[in-house]
């Protein structure tokens, strides 16, 4: 199956998508220069080719997110690289509404593993589908930003939340665990 990539610019910088006809396999958030991003894609997906019509829908929706026109994503994801636990965590995170945050403990409770909040954090760190799997909407139990493994780190996480109209920090959790 052909693996392809697309590079495109949003106001925050260069982004990348990698996928196949089954779905998007990786979303690269802004934070790298175009050449560095392309090199990273080639190192993680050797032999992939630029350009494929099956990535157009995802590209349009992701670009729409950054311009404030898109709050949900309905393009297919290829989660075959995720573990069963990660897929369970990602499914729970996809229920967090646009413009809202939840805690790592909330996600752990949602998946029926109340003491697994650190493992939830580990799954977030390995999330290859940021935005579509909104790990940026998961915060610490005190409402503060914690951990974000994408290029740009916590500053980018805060920027994504601002795109969704959420600020200032720390967030009020209104009784969420």
N, C-alpha and C. Protein backbone atom coordinates (compact mmCIF):
# COMPACT_ATOMS: atom_id res chain seq x y z
N UNK A 1 0.84 -1.17 0.00
CA UNK A 1 0.00 0.00 0.00
C UNK A 1 0.89 1.24 0.00
N UNK A 2 0.58 2.17 -0.87
CA UNK A 2 1.37 3.39 -1.02
C UNK A 2 1.25 4.28 0.21
N UNK A 3 2.39 4.74 0.72
CA UNK A 3 2.42 5.71 1.81
C UNK A 3 2.86 7.04 1.22
N UNK A 4 2.10 8.08 1.51
CA UNK A 4 2.39 9.40 0.95
C UNK A 4 2.39 10.45 2.06
N UNK A 5 2.93 11.61 1.73
CA UNK A 5 2.92 12.72 2.69
C UNK A 5 2.54 14.00 1.99
N UNK A 6 2.07 14.93 2.79
CA UNK A 6 1.74 16.28 2.34
C UNK A 6 2.35 17.25 3.34
N UNK A 7 2.97 18.30 2.84
CA UNK A 7 3.45 19.40 3.66
C UNK A 7 2.62 20.62 3.32
N UNK A 8 2.27 21.41 4.32
CA UNK A 8 1.51 22.62 4.07
C UNK A 8 1.74 23.59 5.23
N UNK A 9 1.46 24.85 4.95
CA UNK A 9 1.69 25.88 5.94
C UNK A 9 0.39 26.40 6.51
N UNK A 10 0.41 26.63 7.83
CA UNK A 10 -0.64 27.35 8.53
C UNK A 10 0.04 28.55 9.17
N UNK A 11 -0.72 29.45 9.76
CA UNK A 11 -0.11 30.64 10.37
C UNK A 11 0.97 30.29 11.39
N UNK A 12 0.82 29.17 12.06
CA UNK A 12 1.77 28.77 13.10
C UNK A 12 3.03 28.11 12.55
N UNK A 13 3.05 27.75 11.27
CA UNK A 13 4.24 27.13 10.67
C UNK A 13 3.91 25.97 9.76
N UNK A 14 4.93 25.18 9.46
CA UNK A 14 4.78 24.03 8.55
C UNK A 14 4.20 22.85 9.27
N UNK A 15 3.30 22.16 8.59
CA UNK A 15 2.68 20.94 9.08
C UNK A 15 2.89 19.83 8.08
N UNK A 16 2.73 18.61 8.56
CA UNK A 16 2.82 17.47 7.67
C UNK A 16 1.80 16.40 8.00
N UNK A 17 1.40 15.68 6.98
CA UNK A 17 0.52 14.52 7.12
C UNK A 17 1.16 13.36 6.40
N UNK A 18 1.05 12.18 6.98
CA UNK A 18 1.50 10.96 6.32
C UNK A 18 0.35 9.97 6.40
N UNK A 19 0.13 9.25 5.31
CA UNK A 19 -0.94 8.28 5.35
C UNK A 19 -0.98 7.40 4.13
N UNK A 20 -1.99 6.56 4.12
CA UNK A 20 -2.25 5.67 2.99
C UNK A 20 -3.76 5.68 2.73
N UNK A 21 -4.20 4.85 1.83
CA UNK A 21 -5.63 4.84 1.50
C UNK A 21 -6.49 4.44 2.69
N UNK A 22 -5.91 3.78 3.67
CA UNK A 22 -6.64 3.36 4.86
C UNK A 22 -6.90 4.54 5.81
N UNK A 23 -5.97 5.52 5.84
CA UNK A 23 -6.15 6.67 6.70
C UNK A 23 -4.84 7.38 7.01
N UNK A 24 -4.95 8.43 7.80
CA UNK A 24 -3.78 9.21 8.22
C UNK A 24 -3.01 8.42 9.28
N UNK A 25 -1.72 8.28 9.04
CA UNK A 25 -0.86 7.54 9.97
C UNK A 25 -0.09 8.45 10.92
N UNK A 26 0.04 9.72 10.54
CA UNK A 26 0.82 10.65 11.37
C UNK A 26 0.46 12.07 11.01
N UNK A 27 0.27 12.90 12.04
CA UNK A 27 0.07 14.34 11.88
C UNK A 27 1.24 15.03 12.56
N UNK A 28 1.93 15.87 11.82
CA UNK A 28 3.04 16.64 12.37
C UNK A 28 2.57 18.07 12.59
N UNK A 29 2.62 18.52 13.82
CA UNK A 29 2.19 19.87 14.17
C UNK A 29 3.28 20.88 13.82
N UNK A 30 2.91 22.16 13.76
CA UNK A 30 3.91 23.19 13.47
C UNK A 30 5.02 23.20 14.51
N UNK A 31 6.21 23.56 14.07
CA UNK A 31 7.33 23.65 15.01
C UNK A 31 8.67 23.40 14.36
N UNK A 32 8.65 22.86 13.15
CA UNK A 32 9.90 22.60 12.44
C UNK A 32 9.91 23.38 11.12
N UNK A 33 11.11 23.67 10.65
CA UNK A 33 11.24 24.27 9.32
C UNK A 33 10.85 23.22 8.29
N UNK A 34 10.45 23.65 7.11
CA UNK A 34 9.97 22.74 6.06
C UNK A 34 10.96 21.62 5.79
N UNK A 35 12.23 21.97 5.58
CA UNK A 35 13.24 20.97 5.25
C UNK A 35 13.43 19.98 6.40
N UNK A 36 13.44 20.47 7.64
CA UNK A 36 13.60 19.58 8.80
C UNK A 36 12.40 18.65 8.93
N UNK A 37 11.22 19.17 8.68
CA UNK A 37 10.01 18.36 8.74
C UNK A 37 10.04 17.27 7.66
N UNK A 38 10.41 17.64 6.45
CA UNK A 38 10.49 16.66 5.38
C UNK A 38 11.52 15.58 5.70
N UNK A 39 12.67 15.97 6.24
CA UNK A 39 13.69 14.99 6.63
C UNK A 39 13.19 14.05 7.72
N UNK A 40 12.44 14.60 8.66
CA UNK A 40 11.88 13.77 9.73
C UNK A 40 10.91 12.75 9.16
N UNK A 41 10.07 13.19 8.24
CA UNK A 41 9.11 12.28 7.60
C UNK A 41 9.85 11.17 6.87
N UNK A 42 10.88 11.51 6.11
CA UNK A 42 11.64 10.50 5.37
C UNK A 42 12.33 9.52 6.32
N UNK A 43 12.78 10.00 7.48
CA UNK A 43 13.44 9.09 8.42
C UNK A 43 12.43 8.16 9.10
N UNK A 44 11.22 8.65 9.34
CA UNK A 44 10.20 7.82 10.00
C UNK A 44 9.40 6.95 9.02
N UNK A 45 9.32 7.40 7.77
CA UNK A 45 8.56 6.68 6.74
C UNK A 45 9.41 6.57 5.48
N UNK A 46 10.46 5.75 5.52
CA UNK A 46 11.33 5.62 4.34
C UNK A 46 10.54 5.19 3.11
N UNK A 47 10.83 5.83 2.00
CA UNK A 47 10.19 5.46 0.75
C UNK A 47 8.84 6.10 0.50
N UNK A 48 8.36 6.92 1.42
CA UNK A 48 7.06 7.55 1.16
C UNK A 48 7.24 8.63 0.09
N UNK A 49 6.15 8.90 -0.59
CA UNK A 49 6.18 9.84 -1.71
C UNK A 49 5.32 11.06 -1.40
N UNK A 50 5.69 12.18 -1.96
CA UNK A 50 4.91 13.40 -1.73
C UNK A 50 3.66 13.40 -2.59
N UNK A 51 2.57 13.82 -1.96
CA UNK A 51 1.32 14.03 -2.67
C UNK A 51 0.48 12.80 -2.87
N UNK A 52 -0.76 12.90 -2.42
CA UNK A 52 -1.73 11.84 -2.64
C UNK A 52 -3.11 12.40 -2.39
N UNK A 53 -4.01 12.14 -3.30
CA UNK A 53 -5.37 12.66 -3.16
C UNK A 53 -6.06 12.23 -1.88
N UNK A 54 -5.69 11.05 -1.35
CA UNK A 54 -6.38 10.57 -0.16
C UNK A 54 -6.03 11.38 1.09
N UNK A 55 -5.05 12.27 1.03
CA UNK A 55 -4.74 13.14 2.16
C UNK A 55 -5.39 14.51 2.07
N UNK A 56 -6.03 14.81 0.95
CA UNK A 56 -6.61 16.15 0.74
C UNK A 56 -7.65 16.52 1.79
N UNK A 57 -8.55 15.60 2.13
CA UNK A 57 -9.60 15.89 3.11
C UNK A 57 -8.97 16.23 4.46
N UNK A 58 -7.99 15.44 4.88
CA UNK A 58 -7.33 15.69 6.16
C UNK A 58 -6.60 17.03 6.13
N UNK A 59 -5.92 17.32 5.03
CA UNK A 59 -5.20 18.59 4.89
C UNK A 59 -6.15 19.77 5.00
N UNK A 60 -7.27 19.72 4.32
CA UNK A 60 -8.26 20.80 4.37
C UNK A 60 -8.82 20.98 5.77
N UNK A 61 -9.11 19.87 6.45
CA UNK A 61 -9.70 19.96 7.78
C UNK A 61 -8.69 20.49 8.80
N UNK A 62 -7.46 20.02 8.74
CA UNK A 62 -6.43 20.49 9.68
C UNK A 62 -6.15 21.97 9.45
N UNK A 63 -6.02 22.38 8.20
CA UNK A 63 -5.82 23.80 7.90
C UNK A 63 -7.01 24.61 8.39
N UNK A 64 -8.22 24.07 8.25
CA UNK A 64 -9.42 24.73 8.73
C UNK A 64 -9.44 24.90 10.23
N UNK A 65 -8.88 23.93 10.94
CA UNK A 65 -8.78 24.03 12.40
C UNK A 65 -7.97 25.28 12.79
N UNK A 66 -6.82 25.44 12.15
CA UNK A 66 -5.94 26.56 12.51
C UNK A 66 -6.50 27.91 12.09
N UNK A 67 -7.41 27.92 11.14
CA UNK A 67 -8.02 29.19 10.74
C UNK A 67 -9.36 29.43 11.43
N UNK A 68 -9.72 28.53 12.37
CA UNK A 68 -10.94 28.72 13.15
C UNK A 68 -12.21 28.26 12.46
N UNK A 69 -12.09 27.54 11.33
CA UNK A 69 -13.28 27.09 10.60
C UNK A 69 -13.67 25.65 10.88
N UNK A 70 -12.88 24.91 11.60
CA UNK A 70 -13.12 23.47 11.77
C UNK A 70 -12.99 23.12 13.25
N UNK A 71 -14.02 22.47 13.80
CA UNK A 71 -13.92 22.06 15.20
C UNK A 71 -13.96 20.54 15.37
N UNK A 72 -14.28 19.81 14.31
CA UNK A 72 -14.28 18.36 14.35
C UNK A 72 -13.59 17.82 13.12
N UNK A 73 -13.07 16.62 13.26
CA UNK A 73 -12.38 15.96 12.15
C UNK A 73 -13.11 14.67 11.84
N UNK A 74 -13.31 14.41 10.55
CA UNK A 74 -13.96 13.16 10.17
C UNK A 74 -13.17 12.39 9.12
N UNK A 75 -11.89 12.73 8.97
CA UNK A 75 -11.06 11.95 8.05
C UNK A 75 -10.61 10.67 8.75
N UNK A 76 -10.38 9.61 7.98
CA UNK A 76 -10.01 8.33 8.59
C UNK A 76 -8.59 8.35 9.15
N UNK A 77 -8.42 7.63 10.25
CA UNK A 77 -7.11 7.45 10.87
C UNK A 77 -6.70 6.00 10.74
N UNK A 78 -5.45 5.77 10.46
CA UNK A 78 -4.89 4.42 10.45
C UNK A 78 -4.18 4.24 11.79
N UNK A 79 -4.86 3.64 12.75
CA UNK A 79 -4.32 3.46 14.10
C UNK A 79 -3.57 2.14 14.26
N UNK A 80 -3.21 1.51 13.16
CA UNK A 80 -2.57 0.19 13.24
C UNK A 80 -1.24 0.23 14.00
N UNK A 81 -0.62 1.38 14.12
CA UNK A 81 0.64 1.48 14.86
C UNK A 81 0.45 1.66 16.36
N UNK A 82 -0.78 1.77 16.83
CA UNK A 82 -1.05 1.99 18.25
C UNK A 82 -1.36 0.66 18.94
N UNK A 83 -1.02 0.58 20.23
CA UNK A 83 -1.36 -0.60 21.01
C UNK A 83 -2.86 -0.58 21.32
N UNK A 84 -3.35 -1.69 21.82
CA UNK A 84 -4.76 -1.77 22.21
C UNK A 84 -5.08 -0.74 23.30
N UNK A 85 -4.21 -0.60 24.29
CA UNK A 85 -4.42 0.38 25.35
C UNK A 85 -4.44 1.80 24.78
N UNK A 86 -3.49 2.10 23.91
CA UNK A 86 -3.44 3.43 23.29
C UNK A 86 -4.72 3.71 22.51
N UNK A 87 -5.19 2.75 21.74
CA UNK A 87 -6.43 2.95 20.98
C UNK A 87 -7.60 3.24 21.90
N UNK A 88 -7.66 2.58 23.05
CA UNK A 88 -8.72 2.82 24.03
C UNK A 88 -8.62 4.24 24.58
N UNK A 89 -7.41 4.67 24.91
CA UNK A 89 -7.19 6.03 25.42
C UNK A 89 -7.55 7.05 24.34
N UNK A 90 -7.13 6.80 23.10
CA UNK A 90 -7.40 7.75 22.02
C UNK A 90 -8.90 7.87 21.74
N UNK A 91 -9.60 6.76 21.84
CA UNK A 91 -11.05 6.80 21.65
C UNK A 91 -11.70 7.68 22.73
N UNK A 92 -11.25 7.55 23.96
CA UNK A 92 -11.79 8.38 25.05
C UNK A 92 -11.44 9.84 24.83
N UNK A 93 -10.23 10.14 24.42
CA UNK A 93 -9.82 11.52 24.19
C UNK A 93 -10.62 12.16 23.07
N UNK A 94 -11.02 11.37 22.09
CA UNK A 94 -11.79 11.93 20.97
C UNK A 94 -13.20 12.37 21.39
N UNK A 95 -13.60 12.01 22.62
CA UNK A 95 -14.90 12.47 23.12
C UNK A 95 -14.80 13.82 23.84
N UNK A 96 -13.59 14.33 24.04
CA UNK A 96 -13.43 15.64 24.70
C UNK A 96 -13.85 16.71 23.71
N UNK A 97 -14.87 17.48 24.05
CA UNK A 97 -15.37 18.48 23.11
C UNK A 97 -14.35 19.59 22.80
N UNK A 98 -14.45 20.12 21.62
CA UNK A 98 -13.69 21.29 21.20
C UNK A 98 -13.93 22.40 22.22
N UNK A 99 -12.86 23.08 22.61
CA UNK A 99 -12.99 24.19 23.54
C UNK A 99 -13.12 23.80 24.99
N UNK A 100 -12.87 22.53 25.31
CA UNK A 100 -12.92 22.05 26.69
C UNK A 100 -11.68 21.24 27.00
N UNK A 101 -11.37 21.12 28.28
CA UNK A 101 -10.24 20.28 28.70
C UNK A 101 -10.74 19.23 29.68
N UNK A 102 -9.96 18.17 29.80
CA UNK A 102 -10.19 17.12 30.78
C UNK A 102 -8.82 16.76 31.37
N UNK A 103 -8.85 16.04 32.48
CA UNK A 103 -7.60 15.65 33.13
C UNK A 103 -7.20 14.23 32.71
N UNK A 104 -5.93 13.91 32.99
CA UNK A 104 -5.44 12.56 32.75
C UNK A 104 -6.25 11.57 33.59
N UNK A 105 -6.61 11.97 34.80
CA UNK A 105 -7.43 11.11 35.66
C UNK A 105 -8.83 10.90 35.07
N UNK A 106 -9.38 11.93 34.46
CA UNK A 106 -10.69 11.80 33.83
C UNK A 106 -10.63 10.75 32.71
N UNK A 107 -9.58 10.82 31.90
CA UNK A 107 -9.43 9.85 30.80
C UNK A 107 -9.29 8.45 31.38
N UNK A 108 -8.46 8.30 32.42
CA UNK A 108 -8.28 6.98 33.04
C UNK A 108 -9.62 6.43 33.55
N UNK A 109 -10.40 7.30 34.19
CA UNK A 109 -11.71 6.89 34.68
C UNK A 109 -12.63 6.51 33.52
N UNK A 110 -12.59 7.29 32.46
CA UNK A 110 -13.44 7.05 31.28
C UNK A 110 -13.17 5.67 30.66
N UNK A 111 -11.91 5.22 30.70
CA UNK A 111 -11.58 3.91 30.12
C UNK A 111 -11.69 2.78 31.13
N UNK A 112 -12.14 3.11 32.36
CA UNK A 112 -12.34 2.08 33.38
C UNK A 112 -11.09 1.65 34.10
N UNK A 113 -10.06 2.46 34.05
CA UNK A 113 -8.78 2.15 34.72
C UNK A 113 -8.38 3.36 35.57
N UNK A 114 -9.10 3.56 36.67
CA UNK A 114 -8.98 4.79 37.45
C UNK A 114 -7.57 5.11 37.94
N UNK A 115 -6.73 4.11 38.11
CA UNK A 115 -5.37 4.35 38.61
C UNK A 115 -4.34 4.44 37.48
N UNK A 116 -4.79 4.42 36.25
CA UNK A 116 -3.87 4.39 35.10
C UNK A 116 -3.59 5.76 34.52
N UNK A 117 -3.74 6.83 35.30
CA UNK A 117 -3.57 8.17 34.74
C UNK A 117 -2.16 8.42 34.23
N UNK A 118 -1.15 7.81 34.84
CA UNK A 118 0.22 7.97 34.31
C UNK A 118 0.36 7.24 32.98
N UNK A 119 -0.25 6.09 32.86
CA UNK A 119 -0.23 5.35 31.59
C UNK A 119 -0.97 6.13 30.51
N UNK A 120 -2.02 6.83 30.90
CA UNK A 120 -2.73 7.70 29.96
C UNK A 120 -1.76 8.77 29.45
N UNK A 121 -0.98 9.35 30.36
CA UNK A 121 0.03 10.34 29.96
C UNK A 121 1.03 9.75 28.99
N UNK A 122 1.42 8.49 29.22
CA UNK A 122 2.34 7.82 28.30
C UNK A 122 1.73 7.63 26.92
N UNK A 123 0.44 7.29 26.89
CA UNK A 123 -0.25 7.14 25.61
C UNK A 123 -0.34 8.48 24.89
N UNK A 124 -0.57 9.54 25.65
CA UNK A 124 -0.60 10.89 25.05
C UNK A 124 0.76 11.21 24.42
N UNK A 125 1.83 10.88 25.10
CA UNK A 125 3.17 11.16 24.59
C UNK A 125 3.46 10.43 23.29
N UNK A 126 2.79 9.32 23.06
CA UNK A 126 3.01 8.53 21.85
C UNK A 126 1.95 8.78 20.77
N UNK A 127 1.08 9.73 21.01
CA UNK A 127 -0.01 10.05 20.08
C UNK A 127 0.56 10.57 18.76
N UNK A 128 0.28 9.86 17.69
CA UNK A 128 0.75 10.24 16.35
C UNK A 128 -0.30 11.02 15.56
N UNK A 129 -1.46 11.27 16.20
CA UNK A 129 -2.56 11.94 15.52
C UNK A 129 -3.06 13.16 16.29
N UNK A 130 -2.13 14.05 16.73
CA UNK A 130 -2.61 15.21 17.48
C UNK A 130 -3.62 16.01 16.67
N UNK A 131 -4.46 16.70 17.33
CA UNK A 131 -5.63 17.42 16.83
C UNK A 131 -6.78 16.43 16.63
N UNK A 132 -6.61 15.43 15.77
CA UNK A 132 -7.67 14.44 15.55
C UNK A 132 -7.89 13.61 16.82
N UNK A 133 -6.81 13.31 17.52
CA UNK A 133 -6.85 12.70 18.85
C UNK A 133 -6.33 13.80 19.77
N UNK A 134 -7.24 14.57 20.37
CA UNK A 134 -6.86 15.84 20.99
C UNK A 134 -6.18 15.74 22.36
N UNK A 135 -4.98 15.22 22.37
CA UNK A 135 -4.24 15.13 23.63
C UNK A 135 -3.92 16.51 24.20
N UNK A 136 -3.96 17.54 23.35
CA UNK A 136 -3.71 18.90 23.84
C UNK A 136 -4.81 19.36 24.79
N UNK A 137 -5.95 18.68 24.77
CA UNK A 137 -7.06 19.03 25.66
C UNK A 137 -6.98 18.31 27.00
N UNK A 138 -5.91 17.58 27.24
CA UNK A 138 -5.74 16.86 28.49
C UNK A 138 -4.71 17.62 29.34
N UNK A 139 -5.13 17.98 30.56
CA UNK A 139 -4.31 18.80 31.45
C UNK A 139 -4.14 18.09 32.78
N UNK A 140 -3.25 18.66 33.61
CA UNK A 140 -3.03 18.11 34.94
C UNK A 140 -4.24 18.30 35.84
N UNK A 141 -4.27 17.59 36.95
CA UNK A 141 -5.42 17.64 37.86
C UNK A 141 -5.61 19.00 38.51
N UNK A 142 -4.58 19.86 38.44
CA UNK A 142 -4.70 21.21 38.98
C UNK A 142 -5.07 22.23 37.89
N UNK A 143 -5.36 21.75 36.68
CA UNK A 143 -5.75 22.63 35.58
C UNK A 143 -4.57 23.22 34.82
N UNK A 144 -3.37 22.84 35.18
CA UNK A 144 -2.18 23.36 34.50
C UNK A 144 -1.77 22.45 33.34
N UNK A 145 -1.07 23.06 32.39
CA UNK A 145 -0.56 22.28 31.27
C UNK A 145 0.58 21.40 31.75
N UNK A 146 0.56 20.17 31.29
CA UNK A 146 1.64 19.24 31.58
C UNK A 146 1.93 18.49 30.30
N UNK A 147 3.16 18.08 30.15
CA UNK A 147 3.63 17.25 29.05
C UNK A 147 2.98 17.45 27.70
N UNK A 148 3.81 17.71 26.72
CA UNK A 148 3.37 17.75 25.33
C UNK A 148 4.61 17.46 24.49
N UNK A 149 4.62 16.31 23.83
CA UNK A 149 5.83 15.83 23.17
C UNK A 149 6.04 16.38 21.76
N UNK A 150 5.08 17.11 21.23
CA UNK A 150 5.24 17.68 19.88
C UNK A 150 6.31 18.77 19.89
N UNK A 151 6.89 19.02 18.73
CA UNK A 151 7.83 20.13 18.60
C UNK A 151 7.12 21.39 19.08
N UNK A 152 7.77 22.16 19.90
CA UNK A 152 7.14 23.35 20.45
C UNK A 152 6.65 23.15 21.87
N UNK A 153 6.53 21.90 22.31
CA UNK A 153 6.20 21.58 23.68
C UNK A 153 4.96 22.28 24.23
N UNK A 154 5.05 22.68 25.49
CA UNK A 154 3.90 23.27 26.18
C UNK A 154 3.45 24.58 25.55
N UNK A 155 4.37 25.34 24.95
CA UNK A 155 3.97 26.58 24.28
C UNK A 155 3.02 26.28 23.13
N UNK A 156 3.29 25.21 22.39
CA UNK A 156 2.40 24.82 21.30
C UNK A 156 1.07 24.30 21.85
N UNK A 157 1.11 23.53 22.92
CA UNK A 157 -0.13 23.04 23.54
C UNK A 157 -1.01 24.22 23.94
N UNK A 158 -0.39 25.23 24.54
CA UNK A 158 -1.14 26.42 24.93
C UNK A 158 -1.70 27.14 23.70
N UNK A 159 -0.92 27.21 22.64
CA UNK A 159 -1.38 27.86 21.40
C UNK A 159 -2.59 27.12 20.82
N UNK A 160 -2.56 25.79 20.83
CA UNK A 160 -3.69 25.00 20.32
C UNK A 160 -4.95 25.26 21.15
N UNK A 161 -4.79 25.36 22.45
CA UNK A 161 -5.94 25.64 23.31
C UNK A 161 -6.47 27.05 23.07
N UNK A 162 -5.58 27.98 22.79
CA UNK A 162 -6.01 29.34 22.46
C UNK A 162 -6.77 29.38 21.14
N UNK A 163 -6.35 28.55 20.17
CA UNK A 163 -7.09 28.45 18.91
C UNK A 163 -8.54 28.08 19.20
N UNK A 164 -8.73 27.24 20.23
CA UNK A 164 -10.07 26.79 20.60
C UNK A 164 -10.77 27.74 21.57
N UNK A 165 -10.14 28.89 21.83
CA UNK A 165 -10.76 29.90 22.68
C UNK A 165 -10.58 29.68 24.16
N UNK A 166 -9.63 28.83 24.54
CA UNK A 166 -9.42 28.53 25.96
C UNK A 166 -8.20 29.25 26.51
N UNK A 167 -8.44 30.09 27.48
CA UNK A 167 -7.39 30.76 28.24
C UNK A 167 -8.08 31.54 29.33
N UNK A 168 -7.55 32.03 30.32
CA UNK A 168 -6.15 31.92 30.71
C UNK A 168 -5.89 30.64 31.51
N UNK A 169 -4.63 30.41 31.78
CA UNK A 169 -4.22 29.25 32.59
C UNK A 169 -4.17 29.65 34.05
N UNK A 170 -4.28 28.73 35.00
CA UNK A 170 -4.72 27.36 34.81
C UNK A 170 -6.23 27.32 34.53
N UNK A 171 -6.66 26.21 33.97
CA UNK A 171 -8.06 26.06 33.61
C UNK A 171 -8.88 25.67 34.83
N UNK A 172 -10.10 26.16 34.86
CA UNK A 172 -11.05 25.73 35.87
C UNK A 172 -11.60 24.39 35.43
N UNK A 173 -11.54 23.42 36.30
CA UNK A 173 -11.95 22.06 35.92
C UNK A 173 -13.37 21.73 36.37
N UNK A 174 -14.02 22.64 37.07
CA UNK A 174 -15.42 22.45 37.47
C UNK A 174 -15.70 21.07 38.01
N UNK A 175 -14.88 20.62 38.93
CA UNK A 175 -15.13 19.34 39.59
C UNK A 175 -14.70 18.10 38.85
N UNK A 176 -14.02 18.25 37.70
CA UNK A 176 -13.53 17.06 37.00
C UNK A 176 -12.43 16.40 37.81
N UNK A 177 -12.33 15.07 37.75
CA UNK A 177 -11.24 14.39 38.48
C UNK A 177 -9.89 14.66 37.84
